[in-house]
């Protein structure tokens, strides 16, 4: 929708037919937008998306925990290696 300055434009007489056509256009635009919102909502909250998100989060958590455990074991091994050299 364009914003047109009213100072330089001539006033156009709008008839009932023009208003009916404009109303039909607006109703069609509203319908199209509702459809787009509906499709986006279905995609966003679909079971596949949610399970992918949940399992991805679990996988990241397990990877982090595994990395921490491996780091702790490495630190313990290095401590034992350097403390035995007395």
C-alpha atoms as a PDB file:
ATOM      1  CA  UNK A   1       0.000   0.000   0.000  1.00  0.00           C
ATOM      2  CA  UNK A   2       1.419   3.356  -1.003  1.00  0.00           C
ATOM      3  CA  UNK A   3       1.309   6.540   0.996  1.00  0.00           C
ATOM      4  CA  UNK A   4       0.339   9.380  -1.304  1.00  0.00           C
ATOM      5  CA  UNK A   5       0.493  12.989  -0.174  1.00  0.00           C
ATOM      6  CA  UNK A   6      -2.942  14.560  -0.283  1.00  0.00           C
ATOM      7  CA  UNK A   7      -1.873  18.125  -0.962  1.00  0.00           C
ATOM      8  CA  UNK A   8      -0.843  17.585  -4.604  1.00  0.00           C
ATOM      9  CA  UNK A   9      -3.396  14.969  -5.601  1.00  0.00           C
ATOM     10  CA  UNK A  10      -6.793  15.619  -7.029  1.00  0.00           C
ATOM     11  CA  UNK A  11      -9.727  14.165  -5.168  1.00  0.00           C
ATOM     12  CA  UNK A  12     -11.223  11.246  -7.017  1.00  0.00           C
ATOM     13  CA  UNK A  13     -14.879  10.469  -6.663  1.00  0.00           C
ATOM     14  CA  UNK A  14     -15.267   7.031  -5.244  1.00  0.00           C
ATOM     15  CA  UNK A  15     -18.376   5.136  -6.086  1.00  0.00           C
ATOM     16  CA  UNK A  16     -20.102   2.264  -4.396  1.00  0.00           C
ATOM     17  CA  UNK A  17     -18.673  -0.192  -6.935  1.00  0.00           C
ATOM     18  CA  UNK A  18     -15.137   0.990  -6.138  1.00  0.00           C
ATOM     19  CA  UNK A  19     -15.721   0.485  -2.427  1.00  0.00           C
ATOM     20  CA  UNK A  20     -17.127  -3.007  -2.967  1.00  0.00           C
ATOM     21  CA  UNK A  21     -14.117  -3.962  -5.133  1.00  0.00           C
ATOM     22  CA  UNK A  22     -11.685  -2.538  -2.573  1.00  0.00           C
ATOM     23  CA  UNK A  23     -13.430  -4.416   0.242  1.00  0.00           C
ATOM     24  CA  UNK A  24     -13.195  -7.666  -1.734  1.00  0.00           C
ATOM     25  CA  UNK A  25      -9.454  -7.079  -2.282  1.00  0.00           C
ATOM     26  CA  UNK A  26      -8.902  -6.476   1.413  1.00  0.00           C
ATOM     27  CA  UNK A  27     -10.860  -9.592   2.358  1.00  0.00           C
ATOM     28  CA  UNK A  28      -8.727 -11.634  -0.032  1.00  0.00           C
ATOM     29  CA  UNK A  29      -5.526 -10.195   1.466  1.00  0.00           C
ATOM     30  CA  UNK A  30      -6.743 -11.019   4.985  1.00  0.00           C
ATOM     31  CA  UNK A  31      -7.593 -14.572   3.910  1.00  0.00           C
ATOM     32  CA  UNK A  32      -4.142 -15.032   2.339  1.00  0.00           C
ATOM     33  CA  UNK A  33      -2.417 -13.728   5.471  1.00  0.00           C
ATOM     34  CA  UNK A  34      -4.459 -16.048   7.691  1.00  0.00           C
ATOM     35  CA  UNK A  35      -3.464 -18.987   5.523  1.00  0.00           C
ATOM     36  CA  UNK A  36       0.217 -18.028   5.734  1.00  0.00           C
ATOM     37  CA  UNK A  37       0.008 -17.697   9.528  1.00  0.00           C
ATOM     38  CA  UNK A  38      -1.745 -21.051   9.772  1.00  0.00           C
ATOM     39  CA  UNK A  39       0.882 -22.802   7.654  1.00  0.00           C
ATOM     40  CA  UNK A  40       3.722 -21.172   9.602  1.00  0.00           C
ATOM     41  CA  UNK A  41       2.177 -22.201  12.910  1.00  0.00           C
ATOM     42  CA  UNK A  42       1.728 -25.781  11.760  1.00  0.00           C
ATOM     43  CA  UNK A  43       5.361 -25.936  10.631  1.00  0.00           C
ATOM     44  CA  UNK A  44       6.614 -24.364  13.846  1.00  0.00           C
ATOM     45  CA  UNK A  45       4.680 -26.604  16.214  1.00  0.00           C
ATOM     46  CA  UNK A  46       4.721 -29.789  14.187  1.00  0.00           C
ATOM     47  CA  UNK A  47       5.811 -32.978  15.941  1.00  0.00           C
ATOM     48  CA  UNK A  48       8.882 -33.356  13.719  1.00  0.00           C
ATOM     49  CA  UNK A  49      10.171 -29.902  14.633  1.00  0.00           C
ATOM     50  CA  UNK A  50       9.615 -30.406  18.354  1.00  0.00           C
ATOM     51  CA  UNK A  51      11.230 -33.844  18.468  1.00  0.00           C
ATOM     52  CA  UNK A  52      14.185 -32.603  16.444  1.00  0.00           C
ATOM     53  CA  UNK A  53      14.627 -29.713  18.881  1.00  0.00           C
ATOM     54  CA  UNK A  54      14.299 -31.920  21.970  1.00  0.00           C
ATOM     55  CA  UNK A  55      16.646 -34.634  20.716  1.00  0.00           C
ATOM     56  CA  UNK A  56      19.112 -32.026  19.490  1.00  0.00           C
ATOM     57  CA  UNK A  57      19.171 -30.464  22.954  1.00  0.00           C
ATOM     58  CA  UNK A  58      19.671 -33.865  24.591  1.00  0.00           C
ATOM     59  CA  UNK A  59      22.467 -34.689  22.169  1.00  0.00           C
ATOM     60  CA  UNK A  60      24.238 -31.403  22.901  1.00  0.00           C
ATOM     61  CA  UNK A  61      23.914 -31.973  26.649  1.00  0.00           C
ATOM     62  CA  UNK A  62      25.321 -35.487  26.407  1.00  0.00           C
ATOM     63  CA  UNK A  63      28.197 -34.291  24.246  1.00  0.00           C
ATOM     64  CA  UNK A  64      29.032 -31.598  26.789  1.00  0.00           C
ATOM     65  CA  UNK A  65      28.888 -34.077  29.688  1.00  0.00           C
ATOM     66  CA  UNK A  66      31.082 -36.527  27.767  1.00  0.00           C
ATOM     67  CA  UNK A  67      33.626 -33.799  27.087  1.00  0.00           C
ATOM     68  CA  UNK A  68      33.726 -32.800  30.756  1.00  0.00           C
ATOM     69  CA  UNK A  69      34.209 -36.406  31.878  1.00  0.00           C
ATOM     70  CA  UNK A  70      36.976 -36.955  29.345  1.00  0.00           C
ATOM     71  CA  UNK A  71      38.692 -33.756  30.470  1.00  0.00           C
ATOM     72  CA  UNK A  72      38.549 -34.828  34.115  1.00  0.00           C
ATOM     73  CA  UNK A  73      40.061 -38.216  33.284  1.00  0.00           C
ATOM     74  CA  UNK A  74      42.811 -36.523  31.290  1.00  0.00           C
ATOM     75  CA  UNK A  75      43.613 -34.175  34.189  1.00  0.00           C
ATOM     76  CA  UNK A  76      43.749 -37.119  36.625  1.00  0.00           C
ATOM     77  CA  UNK A  77      46.043 -39.063  34.293  1.00  0.00           C
ATOM     78  CA  UNK A  78      48.361 -36.086  33.880  1.00  0.00           C
ATOM     79  CA  UNK A  79      48.446 -35.488  37.649  1.00  0.00           C
ATOM     80  CA  UNK A  80      49.419 -39.105  38.246  1.00  0.00           C
ATOM     81  CA  UNK A  81      52.069 -38.938  35.524  1.00  0.00           C
ATOM     82  CA  UNK A  82      53.730 -35.807  36.898  1.00  0.00           C
ATOM     83  CA  UNK A  83      53.458 -36.699  40.583  1.00  0.00           C
ATOM     84  CA  UNK A  84      55.129 -40.126  40.154  1.00  0.00           C
ATOM     85  CA  UNK A  85      58.361 -38.524  38.926  1.00  0.00           C
ATOM     86  CA  UNK A  86      59.596 -37.623  42.407  1.00  0.00           C
END
